[in-house]
Amino acid sequence: MAYQLGSNTIKLRREMGTVVAKDPLIFLKPLNTQMEKLIMAPFEYLRHNSEESELSALPYAILIDGLDKCTNEERQAEVLSTINECVLKNKNLPFRIFITSRPEWAIRSALEEDGYLHQVAYHIPLSDNESNQLGWDAEEIVNGETTNTHNHT
């Protein structure tokens, strides 16, 4: 995420580079430390030392595709927890996070009614294993079998 964010803004990239220069082993530290030092602190610096036009050029949507591809469920939980603690609870960061994933246990449990992401995340279930809150089945759409579409020929 830091690389992608830094690639768009020179000042942000410079601040991130300063962090790495001061601590070359930053990438071996816990994920929440990496997020704090490589994303949150540089963004705060940028917020206080930049023009509004520079801030408006930042990407405000961050897409994390395939969270279920993390090495294990503990790592998935760590990523979700870090995003929650560092990004979602920080009202100074303007980012919206979009995560795509299969509903692995760590992800499902975080989004369930008693999960720590339930109140701050909008969950769109697309799996046959989850309740169909959207009122349609993805397989039906692929096969053209929805009741909302009629073939008038």
C-alpha atoms as a PDB file:
ATOM      1  CA  MET A   1       0.000   0.000   0.000  1.00  0.00           C
ATOM      2  CA  ALA A   2       2.811   2.401   0.859  1.00  0.00           C
ATOM      3  CA  TYR A   3       4.439   1.829  -2.515  1.00  0.00           C
ATOM      4  CA  GLN A   4       1.202   2.486  -4.389  1.00  0.00           C
ATOM      5  CA  LEU A   5       0.426   5.633  -2.391  1.00  0.00           C
ATOM      6  CA  GLY A   6       3.995   6.910  -2.705  1.00  0.00           C
ATOM      7  CA  SER A   7       4.053   6.413  -6.438  1.00  0.00           C
ATOM      8  CA  ASN A   8       1.423   9.154  -6.866  1.00  0.00           C
ATOM      9  CA  THR A   9       2.838  11.944  -4.707  1.00  0.00           C
ATOM     10  CA  ILE A  10       6.454  13.106  -4.626  1.00  0.00           C
ATOM     11  CA  LYS A  11       6.243  14.582  -1.108  1.00  0.00           C
ATOM     12  CA  LEU A  12       4.609  11.457   0.272  1.00  0.00           C
ATOM     13  CA  ARG A  13       7.201   9.262  -1.454  1.00  0.00           C
ATOM     14  CA  ARG A  14      10.010  11.412  -0.026  1.00  0.00           C
ATOM     15  CA  GLU A  15       8.625  11.086   3.501  1.00  0.00           C
ATOM     16  CA  MET A  16       8.255   7.332   3.096  1.00  0.00           C
ATOM     17  CA  GLY A  17      11.826   7.169   1.787  1.00  0.00           C
ATOM     18  CA  THR A  18      13.043   9.039   4.866  1.00  0.00           C
ATOM     19  CA  VAL A  19      11.362   6.424   7.081  1.00  0.00           C
ATOM     20  CA  VAL A  20      13.074   3.584   5.202  1.00  0.00           C
ATOM     21  CA  ALA A  21      16.443   5.389   5.264  1.00  0.00           C
ATOM     22  CA  LYS A  22      16.179   5.824   9.052  1.00  0.00           C
ATOM     23  CA  ASP A  23      15.004   2.250   9.594  1.00  0.00           C
ATOM     24  CA  PRO A  24      15.955  -0.118   6.746  1.00  0.00           C
ATOM     25  CA  LEU A  25      14.451  -3.022   8.712  1.00  0.00           C
ATOM     26  CA  ILE A  26      10.995  -1.418   8.811  1.00  0.00           C
ATOM     27  CA  PHE A  27       9.648  -4.161   6.538  1.00  0.00           C
ATOM     28  CA  LEU A  28      10.506  -6.803   9.145  1.00  0.00           C
ATOM     29  CA  LYS A  29       8.488  -5.060  11.860  1.00  0.00           C
ATOM     30  CA  PRO A  30       4.867  -5.817  12.722  1.00  0.00           C
ATOM     31  CA  LEU A  31       2.352  -4.755  10.115  1.00  0.00           C
ATOM     32  CA  ASN A  32       0.768  -2.100  12.333  1.00  0.00           C
ATOM     33  CA  THR A  33       4.198  -0.484  12.845  1.00  0.00           C
ATOM     34  CA  GLN A  34       4.778  -0.486   9.089  1.00  0.00           C
ATOM     35  CA  MET A  35       1.352   1.071   8.490  1.00  0.00           C
ATOM     36  CA  GLU A  36       1.907   3.710  11.153  1.00  0.00           C
ATOM     37  CA  LYS A  37       5.390   4.715   9.994  1.00  0.00           C
ATOM     38  CA  LEU A  38       5.076   4.277   6.217  1.00  0.00           C
ATOM     39  CA  ILE A  39       1.540   5.503   5.609  1.00  0.00           C
ATOM     40  CA  MET A  40      -0.013   7.325   8.543  1.00  0.00           C
ATOM     41  CA  ALA A  41       2.938   9.468   9.671  1.00  0.00           C
ATOM     42  CA  PRO A  42       3.924  10.548   6.129  1.00  0.00           C
ATOM     43  CA  PHE A  43       0.301  11.368   5.320  1.00  0.00           C
ATOM     44  CA  GLU A  44       0.011  13.452   8.500  1.00  0.00           C
ATOM     45  CA  TYR A  45       3.196  15.292   7.510  1.00  0.00           C
ATOM     46  CA  LEU A  46       1.782  15.893   4.051  1.00  0.00           C
ATOM     47  CA  ARG A  47      -1.530  17.076   5.492  1.00  0.00           C
ATOM     48  CA  HIS A  48       0.227  19.732   7.579  1.00  0.00           C
ATOM     49  CA  ASN A  49       2.841  20.766   5.005  1.00  0.00           C
ATOM     50  CA  SER A  50       1.057  20.757   1.649  1.00  0.00           C
ATOM     51  CA  GLU A  51      -1.376  22.750  -0.380  1.00  0.00           C
ATOM     52  CA  GLU A  52      -4.955  21.547  -0.693  1.00  0.00           C
ATOM     53  CA  SER A  53      -4.369  20.815  -4.391  1.00  0.00           C
ATOM     54  CA  GLU A  54      -1.608  18.325  -3.512  1.00  0.00           C
ATOM     55  CA  LEU A  55      -3.864  16.570  -1.012  1.00  0.00           C
ATOM     56  CA  SER A  56      -6.722  16.372  -3.480  1.00  0.00           C
ATOM     57  CA  ALA A  57      -4.424  14.573  -5.942  1.00  0.00           C
ATOM     58  CA  LEU A  58      -4.027  11.626  -3.564  1.00  0.00           C
ATOM     59  CA  PRO A  59      -5.911   8.427  -4.315  1.00  0.00           C
ATOM     60  CA  TYR A  60      -8.746   8.133  -1.832  1.00  0.00           C
ATOM     61  CA  ALA A  61      -9.729   4.574  -2.652  1.00  0.00           C
ATOM     62  CA  ILE A  62      -7.444   1.696  -1.762  1.00  0.00           C
ATOM     63  CA  LEU A  63      -8.261  -1.715  -3.210  1.00  0.00           C
ATOM     64  CA  ILE A  64      -6.908  -4.840  -1.566  1.00  0.00           C
ATOM     65  CA  ASP A  65      -7.703  -7.706  -3.882  1.00  0.00           C
ATOM     66  CA  GLY A  66      -7.616 -11.314  -2.701  1.00  0.00           C
ATOM     67  CA  LEU A  67      -7.111 -10.929   1.055  1.00  0.00           C
ATOM     68  CA  ASP A  68      -7.783 -14.664   1.324  1.00  0.00           C
ATOM     69  CA  LYS A  69      -4.507 -15.223  -0.557  1.00  0.00           C
ATOM     70  CA  CYS A  70      -2.501 -14.161   2.527  1.00  0.00           C
ATOM     71  CA  THR A  71      -0.299 -16.953   3.826  1.00  0.00           C
ATOM     72  CA  ASN A  72      -2.729 -17.946   6.599  1.00  0.00           C
ATOM     73  CA  GLU A  73      -5.786 -16.812   8.538  1.00  0.00           C
ATOM     74  CA  GLU A  74      -3.658 -15.210  11.257  1.00  0.00           C
ATOM     75  CA  ARG A  75      -2.099 -12.950   8.622  1.00  0.00           C
ATOM     76  CA  GLN A  76      -5.556 -12.144   7.195  1.00  0.00           C
ATOM     77  CA  ALA A  77      -6.714 -11.172  10.699  1.00  0.00           C
ATOM     78  CA  GLU A  78      -3.569  -9.071  11.182  1.00  0.00           C
ATOM     79  CA  VAL A  79      -4.216  -7.173   7.932  1.00  0.00           C
ATOM     80  CA  LEU A  80      -7.852  -6.498   8.875  1.00  0.00           C
ATOM     81  CA  SER A  81      -6.956  -5.479  12.411  1.00  0.00           C
ATOM     82  CA  THR A  82      -4.203  -3.158  11.166  1.00  0.00           C
ATOM     83  CA  ILE A  83      -6.516  -1.509   8.649  1.00  0.00           C
ATOM     84  CA  ASN A  84      -9.126  -1.070  11.359  1.00  0.00           C
ATOM     85  CA  GLU A  85      -6.718   0.400  13.921  1.00  0.00           C
ATOM     86  CA  CYS A  86      -4.584   2.518  11.620  1.00  0.00           C
ATOM     87  CA  VAL A  87      -6.929   3.644   8.867  1.00  0.00           C
ATOM     88  CA  LEU A  88     -10.593   3.233   9.777  1.00  0.00           C
ATOM     89  CA  LYS A  89     -10.297   4.631  13.308  1.00  0.00           C
ATOM     90  CA  ASN A  90      -8.152   7.551  12.142  1.00  0.00           C
ATOM     91  CA  LYS A  91     -10.563  10.271  11.067  1.00  0.00           C
ATOM     92  CA  ASN A  92      -7.698  12.350   9.605  1.00  0.00           C
ATOM     93  CA  LEU A  93      -7.109   9.831   6.825  1.00  0.00           C
ATOM     94  CA  PRO A  94      -9.490  10.212   3.896  1.00  0.00           C
ATOM     95  CA  PHE A  95      -9.025   6.712   2.504  1.00  0.00           C
ATOM     96  CA  ARG A  96     -11.807   4.292   1.698  1.00  0.00           C
ATOM     97  CA  ILE A  97     -10.709   0.685   1.712  1.00  0.00           C
ATOM     98  CA  PHE A  98     -12.213  -1.890  -0.645  1.00  0.00           C
ATOM     99  CA  ILE A  99     -11.325  -5.503   0.063  1.00  0.00           C
ATOM    100  CA  THR A 100     -12.189  -8.443  -2.131  1.00  0.00           C
ATOM    101  CA  SER A 101     -11.843 -11.924  -0.775  1.00  0.00           C
ATOM    102  CA  ARG A 102     -13.339 -15.327  -0.321  1.00  0.00           C
ATOM    103  CA  PRO A 103     -15.090 -15.495   3.053  1.00  0.00           C
ATOM    104  CA  GLU A 104     -12.326 -17.153   5.058  1.00  0.00           C
ATOM    105  CA  TRP A 105     -12.869 -17.528   8.826  1.00  0.00           C
ATOM    106  CA  ALA A 106     -10.825 -14.461   9.884  1.00  0.00           C
ATOM    107  CA  ILE A 107     -12.662 -12.294   7.371  1.00  0.00           C
ATOM    108  CA  ARG A 108     -16.125 -13.679   8.115  1.00  0.00           C
ATOM    109  CA  SER A 109     -15.703 -13.380  11.876  1.00  0.00           C
ATOM    110  CA  ALA A 110     -14.547  -9.749  11.608  1.00  0.00           C
ATOM    111  CA  LEU A 111     -17.647  -8.862   9.559  1.00  0.00           C
ATOM    112  CA  GLU A 112     -20.241 -10.813  11.560  1.00  0.00           C
ATOM    113  CA  GLU A 113     -22.694  -8.968  13.833  1.00  0.00           C
ATOM    114  CA  ASP A 114     -20.401  -9.241  16.842  1.00  0.00           C
ATOM    115  CA  GLY A 115     -17.222  -8.745  14.777  1.00  0.00           C
ATOM    116  CA  TYR A 116     -15.014  -5.692  15.195  1.00  0.00           C
ATOM    117  CA  LEU A 117     -15.568  -4.535  11.589  1.00  0.00           C
ATOM    118  CA  HIS A 118     -19.347  -4.954  11.534  1.00  0.00           C
ATOM    119  CA  GLN A 119     -20.115  -1.308  12.387  1.00  0.00           C
ATOM    120  CA  VAL A 120     -17.481   0.232  10.071  1.00  0.00           C
ATOM    121  CA  ALA A 121     -17.628  -2.030   7.020  1.00  0.00           C
ATOM    122  CA  TYR A 122     -20.181  -2.519   4.296  1.00  0.00           C
ATOM    123  CA  HIS A 123     -20.238  -6.207   3.411  1.00  0.00           C
ATOM    124  CA  ILE A 124     -21.540  -7.425   0.059  1.00  0.00           C
ATOM    125  CA  PRO A 125     -21.774 -11.224   0.182  1.00  0.00           C
ATOM    126  CA  LEU A 126     -21.441 -12.913  -3.171  1.00  0.00           C
ATOM    127  CA  SER A 127     -20.780 -16.457  -2.020  1.00  0.00           C
ATOM    128  CA  ASP A 128     -23.250 -19.332  -2.059  1.00  0.00           C
ATOM    129  CA  ASN A 129     -22.161 -19.984   1.548  1.00  0.00           C
ATOM    130  CA  GLU A 130     -23.528 -16.645   2.778  1.00  0.00           C
ATOM    131  CA  SER A 131     -27.058 -15.336   2.928  1.00  0.00           C
ATOM    132  CA  ASN A 132     -28.087 -13.720  -0.290  1.00  0.00           C
ATOM    133  CA  GLN A 133     -28.797 -10.159   0.876  1.00  0.00           C
ATOM    134  CA  LEU A 134     -28.769  -8.746  -2.635  1.00  0.00           C
ATOM    135  CA  GLY A 135     -31.766 -10.756  -3.799  1.00  0.00           C
ATOM    136  CA  TRP A 136     -29.989 -12.457  -6.663  1.00  0.00           C
ATOM    137  CA  ASP A 137     -27.616 -15.297  -7.222  1.00  0.00           C
ATOM    138  CA  ALA A 138     -24.392 -14.707  -9.178  1.00  0.00           C
ATOM    139  CA  GLU A 139     -24.766 -18.075 -10.908  1.00  0.00           C
ATOM    140  CA  GLU A 140     -28.240 -17.106 -12.109  1.00  0.00           C
ATOM    141  CA  ILE A 141     -26.895 -13.881 -13.567  1.00  0.00           C
ATOM    142  CA  VAL A 142     -24.135 -15.696 -15.408  1.00  0.00           C
ATOM    143  CA  ASN A 143     -26.651 -18.197 -16.758  1.00  0.00           C
ATOM    144  CA  GLY A 144     -29.207 -15.468 -17.592  1.00  0.00           C
ATOM    145  CA  GLU A 145     -31.828 -16.897 -15.247  1.00  0.00           C
ATOM    146  CA  THR A 146     -32.793 -13.824 -13.202  1.00  0.00           C
ATOM    147  CA  THR A 147     -36.444 -13.035 -12.693  1.00  0.00           C
ATOM    148  CA  ASN A 148     -35.818  -9.305 -13.081  1.00  0.00           C
ATOM    149  CA  THR A 149     -34.882  -9.632 -16.746  1.00  0.00           C
ATOM    150  CA  HIS A 150     -37.378 -10.694 -19.360  1.00  0.00           C
ATOM    151  CA  ASN A 151     -36.626 -11.675 -22.891  1.00  0.00           C
ATOM    152  CA  HIS A 152     -39.030  -9.763 -25.133  1.00  0.00           C
ATOM    153  CA  THR A 153     -38.488 -10.908 -28.699  1.00  0.00           C
END
